[in-house]
Amino acid sequence: MRAAVFEGAGRPLAVTTVPDPAPGADEVVIEVAQAGICGSDLHMAEYGAVPAGTIFGHEYAGTVAALGTGVRGTLRVGDRVTALPVQACHHCEACAAALPALCATGRFTGTHPELPGAYAEYVIARAGMVQALPAGVSFAEGAMVEPLAVAHHAVELAHLRPDDTVLVIGAGPIGAGVIVFARAAGARHVIVSERSAARREIALSLGATAALDPAAGALPERCAAVAGVRPSVVFECVGVPGLVQAAIEATGVRGRVVVAGVCFAPDTIRPLTALMKEVSVQFSQCYTEANFASVIDALARRAVRVQPMHTHTVGFAALPETFESLRGAPGGCKVLIDPRA
C-alpha cells in the first residue's frame, strides 16, 4: 500500500510503498477513506518526538476491510467506521476508570513505527475501539470525530454553565470544536482569540460570538468590552509556551482554565496570578469512548454543524508540501487526506 512516512525532523514526509497490514486476533483493518492532519503530528515532526519510519495519522474514517480471528460482535467487513487510536492495557488504574487514553502503558496509533497510522491506504485498529458511523455521517465528518472528541472532552471538563462567558485561545481544529460544543452547552458568549483572519472567519461561522486578533490589544479588557465581564472559562487550544499564563491572566475571579493545547516545550507560569484570583487550571489530554459516541450521535442528529472546519482535502501527491506549509502559518482549519486521490 502507499503511505506517507516520517523520515526525521526537518525532512519532508516521503510517500512510498509499505507492506499491507494484517490484523492481529483482536484487530481490524480499515481501508482509509479520509484522514486528518493533526497539530500533534506537526509538533512531533518539528521536534523529532517520534522515530524515523513512523506513519502519522490518528484521525480517520473508512471501511472495515478485514477482521482478526478473535473479533466478536457485530463488526463486519464493509462497515463504515472510525476508531479511538488507543492501544490500552485494560488493567491499569486509568483503564479501570474507563479512561483508556490515560493508560499508563498505552500508546497511540501513528506515534511509532510499530503502530502505523492513517497517512496510508489501510490502518489497523483495536476492535474494541472501533465505532460505527451512521449512514448520515460522511467520511469527512468521521475523520473529524477524533479532534471533535478532544474538544468535547475539554468542554465536558469545564462544567460550563449557561451564564458563562468563554474565551477560546486558538481557532485551529481543537479550538473550533470547543466553539461548537461550548455553544451547544449553552455558554452565553464564546469569544475567540486567533491571529489568522481566515480562522477568525471560520470561528464566527461555527457560532463564536466574537473573534479577536490577539495582536490588537489586551484580551481581558477586550473580552470585557464584548461580554461585559472577563471570561469565566478560558480554553487554551494552541500548545505553545506562554499561553497557559495568558489564559490565567485573561480569566476573571475564580475562573477556570482548561488546557487542551499540546505543548512539547518547557513552559512556566506565575502562580501568584492564579492565586490572587483563585483560578482553577484543568489539563485535558484526550477523550473517552463516551466522548466519541457523543460526537458521532451529535453529528448524526445534526445537533452540531462542523462543515466549516473542513477547509480542504489533499491526496498523497500534495501531502508532503501541505504538511510542511501547515507547520508554518496555517490559515485554514482541518485539512484531510484522501489516500485514493
C-alpha atoms as a PDB file:
ATOM      1  CA  MET A   1       0.000   0.000   0.000  1.00  0.00           C
ATOM      2  CA  ARG A   2       1.008   3.653  -0.326  1.00  0.00           C
ATOM      3  CA  ALA A   3       1.829   5.617   2.802  1.00  0.00           C
ATOM      4  CA  ALA A   4       3.484   8.883   3.836  1.00  0.00           C
ATOM      5  CA  VAL A   5       6.442   8.120   6.112  1.00  0.00           C
ATOM      6  CA  PHE A   6       8.202  10.464   8.565  1.00  0.00           C
ATOM      7  CA  GLU A   7      11.947  10.355   7.892  1.00  0.00           C
ATOM      8  CA  GLY A   8      13.208  12.730  10.565  1.00  0.00           C
ATOM      9  CA  ALA A   9      12.936  16.293  11.892  1.00  0.00           C
ATOM     10  CA  GLY A  10      13.492  18.866   9.176  1.00  0.00           C
ATOM     11  CA  ARG A  11      12.751  16.413   6.359  1.00  0.00           C
ATOM     12  CA  PRO A  12       9.507  16.247   4.365  1.00  0.00           C
ATOM     13  CA  LEU A  13       7.250  13.208   4.547  1.00  0.00           C
ATOM     14  CA  ALA A  14       8.165  10.545   1.993  1.00  0.00           C
ATOM     15  CA  VAL A  15       5.323   8.948   0.029  1.00  0.00           C
ATOM     16  CA  THR A  16       6.343   5.362  -0.595  1.00  0.00           C
ATOM     17  CA  THR A  17       5.096   1.778  -0.708  1.00  0.00           C
ATOM     18  CA  VAL A  18       4.972  -0.264   2.506  1.00  0.00           C
ATOM     19  CA  PRO A  19       3.569  -3.744   3.253  1.00  0.00           C
ATOM     20  CA  ASP A  20      -0.191  -4.078   3.637  1.00  0.00           C
ATOM     21  CA  PRO A  21      -1.185  -4.571   7.303  1.00  0.00           C
ATOM     22  CA  ALA A  22      -2.517  -7.886   8.586  1.00  0.00           C
ATOM     23  CA  PRO A  23      -4.811  -7.873  11.632  1.00  0.00           C
ATOM     24  CA  GLY A  24      -3.916  -9.498  14.936  1.00  0.00           C
ATOM     25  CA  ALA A  25      -6.541 -11.608  16.645  1.00  0.00           C
ATOM     26  CA  ASP A  26      -8.322  -8.640  18.252  1.00  0.00           C
ATOM     27  CA  GLU A  27      -7.683  -6.143  15.472  1.00  0.00           C
ATOM     28  CA  VAL A  28      -9.489  -4.718  12.463  1.00  0.00           C
ATOM     29  CA  VAL A  29      -8.010  -3.492   9.178  1.00  0.00           C
ATOM     30  CA  ILE A  30      -9.716  -0.321   7.953  1.00  0.00           C
ATOM     31  CA  GLU A  31      -9.448   0.975   4.392  1.00  0.00           C
ATOM     32  CA  VAL A  32      -8.891   4.690   4.963  1.00  0.00           C
ATOM     33  CA  ALA A  33     -11.369   6.978   3.209  1.00  0.00           C
ATOM     34  CA  GLN A  34     -10.301  10.206   4.936  1.00  0.00           C
ATOM     35  CA  ALA A  35      -7.596  11.032   7.486  1.00  0.00           C
ATOM     36  CA  GLY A  36      -6.865  14.263   9.302  1.00  0.00           C
ATOM     37  CA  ILE A  37      -3.613  16.168   9.671  1.00  0.00           C
ATOM     38  CA  CYS A  38      -3.331  16.943  13.373  1.00  0.00           C
ATOM     39  CA  GLY A  39      -1.356  19.672  15.096  1.00  0.00           C
ATOM     40  CA  SER A  40       0.214  16.954  17.244  1.00  0.00           C
ATOM     41  CA  ASP A  41       1.605  15.359  14.079  1.00  0.00           C
ATOM     42  CA  LEU A  42       3.119  18.701  13.114  1.00  0.00           C
ATOM     43  CA  HIS A  43       4.658  19.120  16.583  1.00  0.00           C
ATOM     44  CA  MET A  44       6.048  15.567  16.614  1.00  0.00           C
ATOM     45  CA  ALA A  45       7.648  16.157  13.231  1.00  0.00           C
ATOM     46  CA  GLU A  46       9.093  19.521  14.263  1.00  0.00           C
ATOM     47  CA  TYR A  47      10.634  18.230  17.496  1.00  0.00           C
ATOM     48  CA  GLY A  48      11.577  14.775  16.206  1.00  0.00           C
ATOM     49  CA  ALA A  49       9.470  13.341  19.026  1.00  0.00           C
ATOM     50  CA  VAL A  50       8.900  10.042  17.203  1.00  0.00           C
ATOM     51  CA  PRO A  51      11.347   7.692  15.450  1.00  0.00           C
ATOM     52  CA  ALA A  52      12.038   7.836  11.735  1.00  0.00           C
ATOM     53  CA  GLY A  53       9.809   5.361   9.947  1.00  0.00           C
ATOM     54  CA  THR A  54       6.658   6.450  11.769  1.00  0.00           C
ATOM     55  CA  ILE A  55       3.468   6.773   9.728  1.00  0.00           C
ATOM     56  CA  PHE A  56       1.407   9.560  11.283  1.00  0.00           C
ATOM     57  CA  GLY A  57      -2.372   9.647  11.375  1.00  0.00           C
ATOM     58  CA  HIS A  58      -4.663   9.060  14.352  1.00  0.00           C
ATOM     59  CA  GLU A  59      -7.760  10.808  12.957  1.00  0.00           C
ATOM     60  CA  TYR A  60      -9.514   8.738  10.327  1.00  0.00           C
ATOM     61  CA  ALA A  61     -12.627   7.097   8.971  1.00  0.00           C
ATOM     62  CA  GLY A  62     -13.103   4.339   6.453  1.00  0.00           C
ATOM     63  CA  THR A  63     -14.455   0.897   5.716  1.00  0.00           C
ATOM     64  CA  VAL A  64     -13.686  -2.346   7.526  1.00  0.00           C
ATOM     65  CA  ALA A  65     -11.527  -4.419   5.157  1.00  0.00           C
ATOM     66  CA  ALA A  66     -10.562  -7.399   7.355  1.00  0.00           C
ATOM     67  CA  LEU A  67     -11.243  -8.790  10.822  1.00  0.00           C
ATOM     68  CA  GLY A  68      -8.880 -10.602  13.163  1.00  0.00           C
ATOM     69  CA  THR A  69      -9.691 -14.199  14.073  1.00  0.00           C
ATOM     70  CA  GLY A  70     -10.719 -13.257  17.607  1.00  0.00           C
ATOM     71  CA  VAL A  71     -13.029 -10.376  16.763  1.00  0.00           C
ATOM     72  CA  ARG A  72     -16.532 -10.970  18.051  1.00  0.00           C
ATOM     73  CA  GLY A  73     -19.690  -8.889  17.986  1.00  0.00           C
ATOM     74  CA  THR A  74     -21.424  -7.002  15.214  1.00  0.00           C
ATOM     75  CA  LEU A  75     -18.449  -5.711  13.203  1.00  0.00           C
ATOM     76  CA  ARG A  76     -18.485  -6.839   9.591  1.00  0.00           C
ATOM     77  CA  VAL A  77     -16.350  -6.280   6.509  1.00  0.00           C
ATOM     78  CA  GLY A  78     -17.774  -3.274   4.678  1.00  0.00           C
ATOM     79  CA  ASP A  79     -18.923  -1.406   7.787  1.00  0.00           C
ATOM     80  CA  ARG A  80     -18.334   2.367   7.811  1.00  0.00           C
ATOM     81  CA  VAL A  81     -16.341   3.198  10.938  1.00  0.00           C
ATOM     82  CA  THR A  82     -13.935   5.376  12.854  1.00  0.00           C
ATOM     83  CA  ALA A  83     -11.909   4.371  15.921  1.00  0.00           C
ATOM     84  CA  LEU A  84     -10.180   5.623  19.024  1.00  0.00           C
ATOM     85  CA  PRO A  85      -6.479   5.387  18.083  1.00  0.00           C
ATOM     86  CA  VAL A  86      -5.643   3.966  21.502  1.00  0.00           C
ATOM     87  CA  GLN A  87      -3.643   0.858  22.380  1.00  0.00           C
ATOM     88  CA  ALA A  88      -4.523   0.412  26.072  1.00  0.00           C
ATOM     89  CA  CYS A  89      -3.615  -2.346  28.544  1.00  0.00           C
ATOM     90  CA  HIS A  90      -7.146  -2.730  30.007  1.00  0.00           C
ATOM     91  CA  HIS A  91      -5.915  -3.474  33.554  1.00  0.00           C
ATOM     92  CA  CYS A  92      -4.267  -0.293  34.912  1.00  0.00           C
ATOM     93  CA  GLU A  93      -5.863   2.415  37.081  1.00  0.00           C
ATOM     94  CA  ALA A  94      -6.875   4.529  34.076  1.00  0.00           C
ATOM     95  CA  CYS A  95      -8.349   1.623  32.121  1.00  0.00           C
ATOM     96  CA  ALA A  96     -10.331   0.534  35.179  1.00  0.00           C
ATOM     97  CA  ALA A  97     -11.811   4.037  35.272  1.00  0.00           C
ATOM     98  CA  ALA A  98     -12.829   3.825  31.582  1.00  0.00           C
ATOM     99  CA  LEU A  99     -10.069   6.269  30.616  1.00  0.00           C
ATOM    100  CA  PRO A 100      -8.112   4.266  28.023  1.00  0.00           C
ATOM    101  CA  ALA A 101      -6.399   7.366  26.613  1.00  0.00           C
ATOM    102  CA  LEU A 102      -4.714   7.833  30.020  1.00  0.00           C
ATOM    103  CA  CYS A 103      -3.462   4.227  30.174  1.00  0.00           C
ATOM    104  CA  ALA A 104      -0.117   4.074  31.999  1.00  0.00           C
ATOM    105  CA  THR A 105       1.479   1.925  29.292  1.00  0.00           C
ATOM    106  CA  GLY A 106      -0.815   2.782  26.386  1.00  0.00           C
ATOM    107  CA  ARG A 107       0.338   4.149  23.064  1.00  0.00           C
ATOM    108  CA  PHE A 108      -1.406   5.887  20.212  1.00  0.00           C
ATOM    109  CA  THR A 109      -1.699   4.822  16.607  1.00  0.00           C
ATOM    110  CA  GLY A 110       0.552   6.942  14.421  1.00  0.00           C
ATOM    111  CA  THR A 111       3.216   7.643  17.056  1.00  0.00           C
ATOM    112  CA  HIS A 112       5.691   4.803  16.444  1.00  0.00           C
ATOM    113  CA  PRO A 113       6.827   2.628  13.506  1.00  0.00           C
ATOM    114  CA  GLU A 114       5.236  -0.357  15.271  1.00  0.00           C
ATOM    115  CA  LEU A 115       1.869   1.435  15.326  1.00  0.00           C
ATOM    116  CA  PRO A 116       1.485   2.865  11.808  1.00  0.00           C
ATOM    117  CA  GLY A 117      -1.224   5.442  11.366  1.00  0.00           C
ATOM    118  CA  ALA A 118      -3.692   6.524   8.738  1.00  0.00           C
ATOM    119  CA  TYR A 119      -1.467   8.532   6.392  1.00  0.00           C
ATOM    120  CA  ALA A 120      -1.853   5.343   4.393  1.00  0.00           C
ATOM    121  CA  GLU A 121      -4.348   3.352   2.369  1.00  0.00           C
ATOM    122  CA  TYR A 122      -5.028   0.992   5.306  1.00  0.00           C
ATOM    123  CA  VAL A 123      -4.732   1.264   9.087  1.00  0.00           C
ATOM    124  CA  ILE A 124      -5.141  -1.204  11.962  1.00  0.00           C
ATOM    125  CA  ALA A 125      -7.402  -0.508  14.955  1.00  0.00           C
ATOM    126  CA  ARG A 126      -8.195  -2.472  18.095  1.00  0.00           C
ATOM    127  CA  ALA A 127     -11.643  -3.957  17.535  1.00  0.00           C
ATOM    128  CA  GLY A 128     -12.848  -2.731  20.918  1.00  0.00           C
ATOM    129  CA  MET A 129     -12.018   0.845  19.950  1.00  0.00           C
ATOM    130  CA  VAL A 130     -13.974   0.850  16.669  1.00  0.00           C
ATOM    131  CA  GLN A 131     -17.226   2.814  16.473  1.00  0.00           C
ATOM    132  CA  ALA A 132     -19.752   2.680  13.646  1.00  0.00           C
ATOM    133  CA  LEU A 133     -20.647   5.723  11.542  1.00  0.00           C
ATOM    134  CA  PRO A 134     -24.379   6.131  10.873  1.00  0.00           C
ATOM    135  CA  ALA A 135     -25.393   6.496   7.235  1.00  0.00           C
ATOM    136  CA  GLY A 136     -25.899  10.255   7.590  1.00  0.00           C
ATOM    137  CA  VAL A 137     -22.342  10.899   8.816  1.00  0.00           C
ATOM    138  CA  SER A 138     -19.878  11.411   5.960  1.00  0.00           C
ATOM    139  CA  PHE A 139     -16.342  10.035   5.911  1.00  0.00           C
ATOM    140  CA  ALA A 140     -15.059  13.618   6.165  1.00  0.00           C
ATOM    141  CA  GLU A 141     -17.092  14.113   9.340  1.00  0.00           C
ATOM    142  CA  GLY A 142     -15.991  10.686  10.553  1.00  0.00           C
ATOM    143  CA  ALA A 143     -12.333  11.665  10.163  1.00  0.00           C
ATOM    144  CA  MET A 144     -13.020  14.718  12.343  1.00  0.00           C
ATOM    145  CA  VAL A 145     -14.638  12.716  15.158  1.00  0.00           C
ATOM    146  CA  GLU A 146     -11.274  12.288  16.919  1.00  0.00           C
ATOM    147  CA  PRO A 147     -10.401  16.013  17.196  1.00  0.00           C
ATOM    148  CA  LEU A 148     -14.050  16.801  17.914  1.00  0.00           C
ATOM    149  CA  ALA A 149     -13.933  14.257  20.759  1.00  0.00           C
ATOM    150  CA  VAL A 150     -10.865  16.056  22.145  1.00  0.00           C
ATOM    151  CA  ALA A 151     -12.890  19.284  22.136  1.00  0.00           C
ATOM    152  CA  HIS A 152     -15.986  17.581  23.547  1.00  0.00           C
ATOM    153  CA  HIS A 153     -13.911  16.190  26.430  1.00  0.00           C
ATOM    154  CA  ALA A 154     -12.371  19.606  27.161  1.00  0.00           C
ATOM    155  CA  VAL A 155     -15.800  21.248  27.270  1.00  0.00           C
ATOM    156  CA  GLU A 156     -17.077  18.424  29.465  1.00  0.00           C
ATOM    157  CA  LEU A 157     -14.232  19.037  31.948  1.00  0.00           C
ATOM    158  CA  ALA A 158     -15.049  22.760  32.054  1.00  0.00           C
ATOM    159  CA  HIS A 159     -18.525  22.133  33.547  1.00  0.00           C
ATOM    160  CA  LEU A 160     -19.989  25.047  31.621  1.00  0.00           C
ATOM    161  CA  ARG A 161     -22.974  26.953  32.958  1.00  0.00           C
ATOM    162  CA  PRO A 162     -25.491  28.854  30.788  1.00  0.00           C
ATOM    163  CA  ASP A 163     -24.277  32.232  32.053  1.00  0.00           C
ATOM    164  CA  ASP A 164     -20.589  31.523  31.318  1.00  0.00           C
ATOM    165  CA  THR A 165     -18.507  33.778  29.135  1.00  0.00           C
ATOM    166  CA  VAL A 166     -15.944  31.626  27.349  1.00  0.00           C
ATOM    167  CA  LEU A 167     -12.658  32.619  25.743  1.00  0.00           C
ATOM    168  CA  VAL A 168     -11.072  30.161  23.312  1.00  0.00           C
ATOM    169  CA  ILE A 169      -7.388  30.798  22.598  1.00  0.00           C
ATOM    170  CA  GLY A 170      -6.704  29.400  19.131  1.00  0.00           C
ATOM    171  CA  ALA A 171      -9.197  28.539  16.380  1.00  0.00           C
ATOM    172  CA  GLY A 172      -7.417  25.527  14.949  1.00  0.00           C
ATOM    173  CA  PRO A 173      -9.305  22.210  14.873  1.00  0.00           C
ATOM    174  CA  ILE A 174      -9.456  21.777  18.667  1.00  0.00           C
ATOM    175  CA  GLY A 175     -10.418  25.381  19.313  1.00  0.00           C
ATOM    176  CA  ALA A 176     -13.008  25.173  16.551  1.00  0.00           C
ATOM    177  CA  GLY A 177     -14.503  22.072  18.144  1.00  0.00           C
ATOM    178  CA  VAL A 178     -14.563  23.805  21.527  1.00  0.00           C
ATOM    179  CA  ILE A 179     -16.559  26.662  19.959  1.00  0.00           C
ATOM    180  CA  VAL A 180     -19.116  24.169  18.628  1.00  0.00           C
ATOM    181  CA  PHE A 181     -19.578  22.285  21.896  1.00  0.00           C
ATOM    182  CA  ALA A 182     -19.380  25.344  24.163  1.00  0.00           C
ATOM    183  CA  ARG A 183     -22.214  26.892  22.187  1.00  0.00           C
ATOM    184  CA  ALA A 184     -24.118  23.603  22.307  1.00  0.00           C
ATOM    185  CA  ALA A 185     -23.633  23.567  26.097  1.00  0.00           C
ATOM    186  CA  GLY A 186     -25.341  26.964  26.308  1.00  0.00           C
ATOM    187  CA  ALA A 187     -22.445  29.345  27.000  1.00  0.00           C
ATOM    188  CA  ARG A 188     -23.703  32.949  26.773  1.00  0.00           C
ATOM    189  CA  HIS A 189     -20.630  34.237  24.964  1.00  0.00           C
ATOM    190  CA  VAL A 190     -17.907  32.296  23.134  1.00  0.00           C
ATOM    191  CA  ILE A 191     -15.106  34.701  22.238  1.00  0.00           C
ATOM    192  CA  VAL A 192     -12.160  33.517  20.154  1.00  0.00           C
ATOM    193  CA  SER A 193      -8.585  34.814  20.132  1.00  0.00           C
ATOM    194  CA  GLU A 194      -6.884  33.903  16.848  1.00  0.00           C
ATOM    195  CA  ARG A 195      -4.105  35.519  14.796  1.00  0.00           C
ATOM    196  CA  SER A 196      -5.296  34.171  11.432  1.00  0.00           C
ATOM    197  CA  ALA A 197      -8.017  36.246   9.793  1.00  0.00           C
ATOM    198  CA  ALA A 198      -9.222  33.177   7.872  1.00  0.00           C
ATOM    199  CA  ARG A 199      -9.571  31.186  11.078  1.00  0.00           C
ATOM    200  CA  ARG A 200     -11.405  34.062  12.746  1.00  0.00           C
ATOM    201  CA  GLU A 201     -13.968  33.892   9.950  1.00  0.00           C
ATOM    202  CA  ILE A 202     -14.293  30.116  10.408  1.00  0.00           C
ATOM    203  CA  ALA A 203     -14.779  30.650  14.158  1.00  0.00           C
ATOM    204  CA  LEU A 204     -17.647  33.052  13.530  1.00  0.00           C
ATOM    205  CA  SER A 205     -19.261  30.618  11.088  1.00  0.00           C
ATOM    206  CA  LEU A 206     -19.135  27.935  13.806  1.00  0.00           C
ATOM    207  CA  GLY A 207     -21.000  30.096  16.294  1.00  0.00           C
ATOM    208  CA  ALA A 208     -18.394  32.265  18.035  1.00  0.00           C
ATOM    209  CA  THR A 209     -19.960  35.491  19.254  1.00  0.00           C
ATOM    210  CA  ALA A 210     -16.745  37.470  18.631  1.00  0.00           C
ATOM    211  CA  ALA A 211     -13.357  36.755  17.067  1.00  0.00           C
ATOM    212  CA  LEU A 212     -10.406  38.869  18.198  1.00  0.00           C
ATOM    213  CA  ASP A 213      -6.893  39.331  16.872  1.00  0.00           C
ATOM    214  CA  PRO A 214      -4.637  38.939  19.963  1.00  0.00           C
ATOM    215  CA  ALA A 215      -2.123  41.357  18.428  1.00  0.00           C
ATOM    216  CA  ALA A 216      -4.679  44.174  18.519  1.00  0.00           C
ATOM    217  CA  GLY A 217      -4.812  44.689  22.290  1.00  0.00           C
ATOM    218  CA  ALA A 218      -5.108  43.151  25.757  1.00  0.00           C
ATOM    219  CA  LEU A 219      -7.527  40.214  25.817  1.00  0.00           C
ATOM    220  CA  PRO A 220      -9.093  40.668  29.286  1.00  0.00           C
ATOM    221  CA  GLU A 221     -10.233  44.202  28.520  1.00  0.00           C
ATOM    222  CA  ARG A 222     -11.399  43.379  25.001  1.00  0.00           C
ATOM    223  CA  CYS A 223     -13.373  40.354  26.210  1.00  0.00           C
ATOM    224  CA  ALA A 224     -14.999  42.529  28.871  1.00  0.00           C
ATOM    225  CA  ALA A 225     -15.904  45.059  26.180  1.00  0.00           C
ATOM    226  CA  VAL A 226     -17.722  42.316  24.242  1.00  0.00           C
ATOM    227  CA  ALA A 227     -19.383  40.463  27.104  1.00  0.00           C
ATOM    228  CA  GLY A 228     -19.473  42.987  29.937  1.00  0.00           C
ATOM    229  CA  VAL A 229     -17.311  40.718  32.117  1.00  0.00           C
ATOM    230  CA  ARG A 230     -13.997  38.939  31.916  1.00  0.00           C
ATOM    231  CA  PRO A 231     -14.183  35.278  30.797  1.00  0.00           C
ATOM    232  CA  SER A 232     -15.253  32.784  33.437  1.00  0.00           C
ATOM    233  CA  VAL A 233     -13.742  29.931  31.388  1.00  0.00           C
ATOM    234  CA  VAL A 234     -10.676  30.063  29.138  1.00  0.00           C
ATOM    235  CA  PHE A 235      -9.687  27.192  26.840  1.00  0.00           C
ATOM    236  CA  GLU A 236      -6.027  27.160  25.756  1.00  0.00           C
ATOM    237  CA  CYS A 237      -6.092  25.291  22.423  1.00  0.00           C
ATOM    238  CA  VAL A 238      -2.731  26.094  20.826  1.00  0.00           C
ATOM    239  CA  GLY A 239       0.046  24.487  22.850  1.00  0.00           C
ATOM    240  CA  VAL A 240       2.933  26.964  22.736  1.00  0.00           C
ATOM    241  CA  PRO A 241       4.876  28.328  25.728  1.00  0.00           C
ATOM    242  CA  GLY A 242       3.330  31.341  27.418  1.00  0.00           C
ATOM    243  CA  LEU A 243      -0.299  30.632  26.624  1.00  0.00           C
ATOM    244  CA  VAL A 244      -1.214  28.919  29.895  1.00  0.00           C
ATOM    245  CA  GLN A 245      -0.078  32.069  31.681  1.00  0.00           C
ATOM    246  CA  ALA A 246      -2.007  34.186  29.167  1.00  0.00           C
ATOM    247  CA  ALA A 247      -5.130  32.122  29.883  1.00  0.00           C
ATOM    248  CA  ILE A 248      -4.708  32.608  33.637  1.00  0.00           C
ATOM    249  CA  GLU A 249      -4.328  36.347  33.130  1.00  0.00           C
ATOM    250  CA  ALA A 250      -7.402  36.539  30.892  1.00  0.00           C
ATOM    251  CA  THR A 251      -9.866  34.825  33.202  1.00  0.00           C
ATOM    252  CA  GLY A 252     -11.871  36.510  35.929  1.00  0.00           C
ATOM    253  CA  VAL A 253     -12.095  35.823  39.663  1.00  0.00           C
ATOM    254  CA  ARG A 254     -12.436  32.084  40.342  1.00  0.00           C
ATOM    255  CA  GLY A 255     -12.226  31.471  36.640  1.00  0.00           C
ATOM    256  CA  ARG A 256     -11.485  28.085  35.127  1.00  0.00           C
ATOM    257  CA  VAL A 257      -8.704  27.416  32.640  1.00  0.00           C
ATOM    258  CA  VAL A 258      -8.813  24.248  30.548  1.00  0.00           C
ATOM    259  CA  VAL A 259      -5.556  23.427  28.800  1.00  0.00           C
ATOM    260  CA  ALA A 260      -6.207  21.380  25.658  1.00  0.00           C
ATOM    261  CA  GLY A 261      -3.192  22.552  23.637  1.00  0.00           C
ATOM    262  CA  VAL A 262      -0.318  20.067  23.375  1.00  0.00           C
ATOM    263  CA  CYS A 263       2.921  21.862  24.273  1.00  0.00           C
ATOM    264  CA  PHE A 264       6.120  19.879  23.645  1.00  0.00           C
ATOM    265  CA  ALA A 265       8.431  22.564  25.038  1.00  0.00           C
ATOM    266  CA  PRO A 266       9.076  23.540  28.682  1.00  0.00           C
ATOM    267  CA  ASP A 267       6.844  26.312  29.960  1.00  0.00           C
ATOM    268  CA  THR A 268       6.480  28.476  33.064  1.00  0.00           C
ATOM    269  CA  ILE A 269       3.628  30.225  34.815  1.00  0.00           C
ATOM    270  CA  ARG A 270       3.445  32.866  37.559  1.00  0.00           C
ATOM    271  CA  PRO A 271       1.446  31.095  40.269  1.00  0.00           C
ATOM    272  CA  LEU A 272       0.677  34.325  42.131  1.00  0.00           C
ATOM    273  CA  THR A 273      -1.503  35.476  39.227  1.00  0.00           C
ATOM    274  CA  ALA A 274      -3.702  32.403  39.627  1.00  0.00           C
ATOM    275  CA  LEU A 275      -3.528  32.503  43.421  1.00  0.00           C
ATOM    276  CA  MET A 276      -4.832  36.057  43.678  1.00  0.00           C
ATOM    277  CA  LYS A 277      -7.949  35.137  41.672  1.00  0.00           C
ATOM    278  CA  GLU A 278      -8.310  31.525  42.886  1.00  0.00           C
ATOM    279  CA  VAL A 279      -8.127  30.284  39.304  1.00  0.00           C
ATOM    280  CA  SER A 280      -8.577  26.570  38.656  1.00  0.00           C
ATOM    281  CA  VAL A 281      -6.378  25.009  35.957  1.00  0.00           C
ATOM    282  CA  GLN A 282      -7.507  21.723  34.380  1.00  0.00           C
ATOM    283  CA  PHE A 283      -5.449  19.856  31.791  1.00  0.00           C
ATOM    284  CA  SER A 284      -7.456  17.939  29.191  1.00  0.00           C
ATOM    285  CA  GLN A 285      -5.413  15.241  27.498  1.00  0.00           C
ATOM    286  CA  CYS A 286      -7.746  13.381  25.213  1.00  0.00           C
ATOM    287  CA  TYR A 287     -11.151  11.689  25.376  1.00  0.00           C
ATOM    288  CA  THR A 288     -13.139   8.627  26.358  1.00  0.00           C
ATOM    289  CA  GLU A 289     -15.158   6.164  24.325  1.00  0.00           C
ATOM    290  CA  ALA A 290     -18.250   8.032  25.528  1.00  0.00           C
ATOM    291  CA  ASN A 291     -16.921  11.274  24.030  1.00  0.00           C
ATOM    292  CA  PHE A 292     -16.515   9.548  20.651  1.00  0.00           C
ATOM    293  CA  ALA A 293     -20.052   8.158  20.864  1.00  0.00           C
ATOM    294  CA  SER A 294     -21.493  11.546  21.858  1.00  0.00           C
ATOM    295  CA  VAL A 295     -19.794  13.308  18.957  1.00  0.00           C
ATOM    296  CA  ILE A 296     -20.988  10.717  16.440  1.00  0.00           C
ATOM    297  CA  ASP A 297     -24.531  10.987  17.829  1.00  0.00           C
ATOM    298  CA  ALA A 298     -24.459  14.795  17.628  1.00  0.00           C
ATOM    299  CA  LEU A 299     -23.269  14.623  14.015  1.00  0.00           C
ATOM    300  CA  ALA A 300     -25.921  12.054  13.094  1.00  0.00           C
ATOM    301  CA  ARG A 301     -28.701  14.171  14.667  1.00  0.00           C
ATOM    302  CA  ARG A 302     -27.305  17.350  13.071  1.00  0.00           C
ATOM    303  CA  ALA A 303     -27.204  18.832  16.560  1.00  0.00           C
ATOM    304  CA  VAL A 304     -23.876  20.433  15.669  1.00  0.00           C
ATOM    305  CA  ARG A 305     -22.582  21.904  12.423  1.00  0.00           C
ATOM    306  CA  VAL A 306     -18.880  21.254  11.777  1.00  0.00           C
ATOM    307  CA  GLN A 307     -18.522  21.525   7.993  1.00  0.00           C
ATOM    308  CA  PRO A 308     -16.744  24.928   8.123  1.00  0.00           C
ATOM    309  CA  MET A 309     -13.875  23.234   9.987  1.00  0.00           C
ATOM    310  CA  HIS A 310     -13.002  21.183   6.886  1.00  0.00           C
ATOM    311  CA  THR A 311     -11.135  23.641   4.707  1.00  0.00           C
ATOM    312  CA  HIS A 312      -9.700  21.317   2.056  1.00  0.00           C
ATOM    313  CA  THR A 313      -8.616  17.785   1.145  1.00  0.00           C
ATOM    314  CA  VAL A 314      -5.319  16.668  -0.399  1.00  0.00           C
ATOM    315  CA  GLY A 315      -4.043  13.463  -1.958  1.00  0.00           C
ATOM    316  CA  PHE A 316      -0.649  11.859  -1.394  1.00  0.00           C
ATOM    317  CA  ALA A 317       0.975  13.903  -4.168  1.00  0.00           C
ATOM    318  CA  ALA A 318       0.321  17.172  -2.350  1.00  0.00           C
ATOM    319  CA  LEU A 319       0.657  15.826   1.202  1.00  0.00           C
ATOM    320  CA  PRO A 320       4.386  16.454   1.890  1.00  0.00           C
ATOM    321  CA  GLU A 321       4.213  20.080   0.743  1.00  0.00           C
ATOM    322  CA  THR A 322       0.896  20.657   2.529  1.00  0.00           C
ATOM    323  CA  PHE A 323       2.267  19.163   5.749  1.00  0.00           C
ATOM    324  CA  GLU A 324       5.268  21.496   5.659  1.00  0.00           C
ATOM    325  CA  SER A 325       3.100  24.527   4.943  1.00  0.00           C
ATOM    326  CA  LEU A 326       0.905  23.761   7.955  1.00  0.00           C
ATOM    327  CA  ARG A 327       3.977  23.845  10.194  1.00  0.00           C
ATOM    328  CA  GLY A 328       4.441  27.465   9.143  1.00  0.00           C
ATOM    329  CA  ALA A 329       1.486  29.828   9.245  1.00  0.00           C
ATOM    330  CA  PRO A 330      -1.718  27.848   8.728  1.00  0.00           C
ATOM    331  CA  GLY A 331      -4.711  29.792   7.529  1.00  0.00           C
ATOM    332  CA  GLY A 332      -7.256  27.004   7.261  1.00  0.00           C
ATOM    333  CA  CYS A 333      -8.595  24.696   9.941  1.00  0.00           C
ATOM    334  CA  LYS A 334      -8.865  20.947   9.329  1.00  0.00           C
ATOM    335  CA  VAL A 335      -7.041  19.545   6.304  1.00  0.00           C
ATOM    336  CA  LEU A 336      -7.984  15.992   5.357  1.00  0.00           C
ATOM    337  CA  ILE A 337      -6.096  13.398   3.332  1.00  0.00           C
ATOM    338  CA  ASP A 338      -7.780  11.208   0.716  1.00  0.00           C
ATOM    339  CA  PRO A 339      -5.424   8.255   0.141  1.00  0.00           C
ATOM    340  CA  ARG A 340      -7.229   7.383  -3.081  1.00  0.00           C
ATOM    341  CA  ALA A 341      -6.564  10.783  -4.668  1.00  0.00           C
END
